[in-house]
Protein backbone atom coordinates (compact mmCIF):
# COMPACT_ATOMS: atom_id res chain seq x y z
CA PHE A 1 218.49 -56.11 -103.46
CA LEU A 2 220.04 -54.61 -106.60
CA SER A 3 220.31 -58.04 -108.24
CA LEU A 4 216.68 -58.75 -107.32
CA PHE A 5 215.69 -55.37 -108.76
CA SER A 6 217.51 -56.20 -111.98
CA SER A 7 215.66 -59.51 -112.33
CA TYR A 8 212.32 -57.79 -111.90
CA LEU A 9 213.44 -55.06 -114.28
CA ALA A 10 214.03 -57.48 -117.13
CA GLY A 11 210.38 -58.49 -117.11
CA GLY A 12 209.12 -55.14 -115.87
CA ILE A 13 210.08 -53.18 -118.96
CA ALA A 14 208.28 -55.70 -121.15
CA VAL A 15 205.15 -55.44 -119.01
CA ALA A 16 205.31 -51.64 -118.98
CA ALA A 17 205.70 -51.48 -122.74
CA SER A 18 202.47 -53.40 -123.18
CA GLN A 19 200.43 -50.94 -121.11
CA VAL A 20 198.59 -47.86 -122.35
CA GLU A 21 201.24 -45.58 -123.84
CA SER A 22 200.05 -42.43 -122.06
CA CYS A 23 200.28 -44.15 -118.66
CA VAL A 24 203.82 -45.43 -118.76
CA PRO A 25 207.18 -43.72 -119.17
CA THR A 26 208.76 -43.96 -122.58
CA GLY A 27 212.19 -43.50 -124.12
CA VAL A 28 215.00 -42.71 -121.67
CA ALA A 29 212.70 -42.82 -118.66
CA LEU A 30 211.56 -46.35 -119.46
CA GLN A 31 215.17 -47.49 -119.82
CA ASN A 32 216.00 -46.03 -116.39
CA PRO A 33 213.10 -46.97 -114.08
CA GLN A 34 213.52 -46.27 -110.37
CA GLY A 35 211.21 -48.93 -109.01
CA ILE A 36 209.07 -51.97 -109.67
CA VAL A 37 205.63 -53.13 -108.57
CA VAL A 38 206.49 -56.50 -107.00
CA GLU A 39 203.02 -57.39 -105.70
CA GLN A 40 199.57 -56.24 -106.73
CA THR A 41 196.10 -57.26 -105.58
CA GLY A 42 192.81 -55.90 -106.86
CA ASP A 43 192.36 -52.48 -108.44
CA VAL A 44 195.69 -50.62 -108.69
CA ASN A 45 196.17 -47.67 -111.05
CA ALA A 46 198.96 -45.25 -111.93
CA THR A 47 199.24 -41.81 -113.47
CA VAL A 48 202.64 -40.63 -114.74
CA GLY A 49 202.93 -36.85 -114.76
CA LYS A 50 199.93 -35.34 -116.53
CA GLY A 51 199.25 -38.50 -118.52
CA ALA A 52 196.21 -40.73 -118.46
CA THR A 53 195.43 -43.09 -115.59
CA CYS A 54 195.54 -46.81 -116.31
CA ALA A 55 195.63 -50.12 -114.50
CA ILE A 56 199.00 -51.56 -113.52
CA SER A 57 200.11 -54.97 -112.34
CA LYS A 58 203.13 -56.86 -111.03
CA GLY A 59 206.24 -55.99 -113.03
CA GLN A 60 205.18 -52.41 -113.86
CA THR A 61 208.14 -50.03 -113.74
CA ILE A 62 207.95 -46.85 -111.65
CA VAL A 63 209.55 -43.47 -112.31
CA SER A 64 209.47 -40.09 -110.57
CA ASP A 65 206.20 -38.14 -110.66
CA THR A 66 204.02 -41.24 -110.60
CA VAL A 67 200.82 -41.35 -108.54
CA ILE A 68 199.70 -44.86 -107.58
CA THR A 69 196.21 -45.49 -106.24
CA THR A 70 194.61 -48.58 -104.74
CA GLY A 71 190.89 -49.31 -104.67
CA PRO A 72 188.78 -51.12 -102.06
CA LYS A 73 190.24 -54.46 -100.95
CA SER A 74 193.31 -53.71 -103.08
CA SER A 75 197.00 -53.34 -102.29
CA ALA A 76 200.42 -52.92 -103.86
CA VAL A 77 204.02 -53.50 -102.82
CA LEU A 78 206.70 -51.32 -104.40
CA ARG A 79 210.45 -51.85 -104.37
CA PHE A 80 212.93 -49.18 -105.38
CA ALA A 81 216.48 -49.48 -106.69
CA ASP A 82 218.13 -48.68 -103.32
CA GLY A 83 216.03 -51.30 -101.51
CA GLN A 84 213.37 -48.89 -100.26
CA GLY A 85 210.09 -50.72 -99.77
CA VAL A 86 206.56 -49.31 -99.72
CA SER A 87 203.41 -51.37 -99.08
CA LEU A 88 200.16 -49.57 -99.90
CA THR A 89 196.89 -50.53 -98.22
CA GLU A 90 193.44 -50.27 -99.78
CA ASN A 91 191.95 -46.90 -100.76
CA SER A 92 195.32 -45.21 -100.83
CA SER A 93 196.89 -42.60 -103.08
CA PHE A 94 200.69 -42.35 -103.12
CA HIS A 95 202.85 -39.91 -105.11
CA VAL A 96 206.47 -40.71 -105.98
CA LYS A 97 207.34 -37.02 -106.23
CA GLN A 98 211.05 -37.52 -106.70
CA TYR A 99 213.37 -40.50 -106.64
CA VAL A 100 217.05 -40.17 -107.52
CA PHE A 101 219.47 -43.00 -106.80
CA ASP A 102 223.16 -42.89 -107.66
CA GLU A 103 224.63 -46.19 -106.53
CA LYS A 104 228.17 -44.79 -106.83
CA ASN A 105 227.41 -41.59 -104.96
CA ILE A 106 224.53 -42.06 -102.53
CA ALA A 107 225.13 -38.55 -101.15
CA LYS A 108 223.60 -37.24 -104.37
CA SER A 109 220.54 -39.46 -104.05
CA ASN A 110 217.21 -38.41 -102.57
CA ILE A 111 213.60 -39.46 -102.08
CA VAL A 112 210.43 -37.39 -101.76
CA PHE A 113 207.21 -39.38 -101.27
CA ASP A 114 203.74 -37.97 -100.61
CA LEU A 115 200.98 -40.05 -99.04
CA ILE A 116 197.91 -38.22 -100.31
CA LYS A 117 195.43 -40.52 -98.56
CA GLY A 118 195.18 -44.01 -97.11
CA GLY A 119 197.96 -45.96 -95.46
CA ALA A 120 201.37 -47.45 -96.15
CA ARG A 121 204.26 -49.27 -94.55
CA PHE A 122 207.80 -48.12 -95.27
CA VAL A 123 211.13 -49.94 -94.95
CA THR A 124 214.14 -47.72 -95.47
CA GLY A 125 216.65 -48.51 -98.24
CA LEU A 126 220.24 -47.38 -98.74
CA ILE A 127 219.35 -43.74 -99.34
CA GLY A 128 217.65 -43.30 -95.99
CA GLN A 129 220.19 -45.45 -94.18
CA LYS A 130 223.20 -43.54 -95.48
CA ASN A 131 221.72 -40.04 -95.42
CA LYS A 132 218.63 -39.54 -93.25
CA GLN A 133 218.17 -36.02 -94.63
CA ALA A 134 217.69 -37.45 -98.13
CA PHE A 135 214.37 -39.17 -97.31
CA LYS A 136 211.17 -37.15 -96.97
CA LEU A 137 207.62 -38.37 -96.62
CA THR A 138 204.97 -35.67 -96.80
CA HIS A 139 201.26 -35.22 -96.40
CA GLY A 140 200.14 -31.71 -97.21
CA THR A 141 202.56 -29.39 -95.44
CA THR A 142 203.70 -32.06 -92.95
CA THR A 143 207.08 -33.73 -93.46
CA ILE A 144 208.14 -37.01 -91.83
CA GLY A 145 211.86 -37.65 -91.31
CA ILE A 146 213.52 -40.99 -90.61
CA ARG A 147 216.65 -42.59 -89.20
CA GLY A 148 217.14 -46.15 -90.49
CA THR A 149 213.48 -46.83 -90.04
CA ALA A 150 210.57 -49.17 -90.61
CA PHE A 151 207.21 -47.58 -89.87
CA ALA A 152 203.54 -47.43 -90.85
CA PHE A 153 201.82 -44.15 -91.69
CA ALA A 154 198.18 -43.43 -92.47
CA VAL A 155 195.87 -40.53 -93.15
CA LEU A 156 192.47 -40.98 -91.49
CA PRO A 157 189.27 -39.87 -93.28
CA ASN A 158 189.18 -36.69 -91.17
CA GLY A 159 192.72 -35.76 -92.27
CA THR A 160 194.43 -36.74 -89.02
CA MET A 161 197.79 -38.44 -89.51
CA VAL A 162 198.79 -41.47 -87.43
CA ALA A 163 201.93 -43.58 -87.37
CA THR A 164 203.52 -46.53 -85.60
CA VAL A 165 207.29 -47.07 -85.50
CA SER A 166 208.66 -50.61 -85.59
CA GLN A 167 212.37 -49.84 -86.14
CA GLY A 168 214.62 -46.80 -85.89
CA ILE A 169 213.34 -43.28 -85.23
CA VAL A 170 210.72 -41.13 -86.95
CA THR A 171 210.71 -37.35 -86.56
CA VAL A 172 207.78 -35.01 -87.10
CA GLY A 173 207.11 -31.47 -85.90
CA GLY A 174 210.40 -31.34 -84.02
CA GLN A 175 209.58 -34.47 -82.01
CA SER A 176 211.20 -37.90 -82.28
CA PHE A 177 209.49 -41.25 -81.85
CA ALA A 178 211.45 -44.47 -81.31
CA ALA A 179 210.63 -48.08 -82.12
CA GLY A 180 207.59 -49.35 -80.27
CA THR A 181 205.90 -45.95 -80.10
CA SER A 182 203.19 -44.20 -82.09
CA PHE A 183 201.99 -40.67 -82.70
CA THR A 184 199.11 -38.58 -83.97
CA ALA A 185 199.52 -35.40 -85.99
CA SER A 186 196.95 -32.88 -87.19
CA ILE A 187 196.97 -29.50 -88.88
CA GLY A 188 194.78 -26.89 -87.24
CA ALA A 189 193.67 -23.40 -88.08
CA GLY A 190 196.39 -21.32 -89.66
CA GLY A 191 198.31 -24.42 -90.66
CA THR A 192 199.58 -25.15 -87.14
CA LEU A 193 200.87 -28.70 -86.74
CA THR A 194 200.03 -30.49 -83.50
CA VAL A 195 201.81 -33.74 -82.65
CA THR A 196 200.96 -35.97 -79.70
CA ALA A 197 202.24 -39.35 -78.57
CA GLY A 198 199.91 -42.31 -79.00
CA LEU A 199 196.98 -43.04 -81.29
CA PRO A 200 193.47 -41.54 -81.19
CA ALA A 201 190.75 -43.37 -79.28
CA GLY A 202 189.40 -46.24 -81.32
CA VAL A 203 192.45 -46.50 -83.60
CA THR A 204 194.67 -49.54 -83.06
CA ALA A 205 198.25 -50.05 -84.22
CA GLY A 206 197.09 -52.81 -86.56
CA ALA A 207 194.70 -50.44 -88.27
CA VAL A 208 197.36 -47.89 -89.19
CA ALA A 209 198.62 -49.85 -92.22
């Protein structure tokens, strides 16, 4: 994947440089992007740090502290330097809180993603494969852990979290869910996390992400 990332990067920096200056990273950050938008359909926007929000397209570079949002009937596919893949569905908001990849010392690498709303599919890259503790996906106070995993995760309009696991193991609230299973998680009064196997009535696996 690293060679593929490099080929996208060559065009990605040029695309990023042509965007609104307050939306894209500049200087050192632009020369060291952590990811690339490899597919984009419809209305997709990004906000870097406390900067302005602007439209992005295929080839846009991604750095830490970027929030990417998709509108109705819109989607985006992101690829990161370690091979981590993220596919965002419509009406989603996704925060790349932290992404650090050291190809020569993966033990010092880490990922923190936050799915604010909507849905996404995740395919683990080298960081999560080599060090499962280095990958964290959050929503609010809930943290999802992984072990060499491919899974879909979504936040329903009522705030309930649902997920389906297609490869590996996903952990949440002290419980583990293997490939072929699904779970529902919700935060109740006092911040108590409740996790149950299966999906809520009326929610299908195909609707998760």
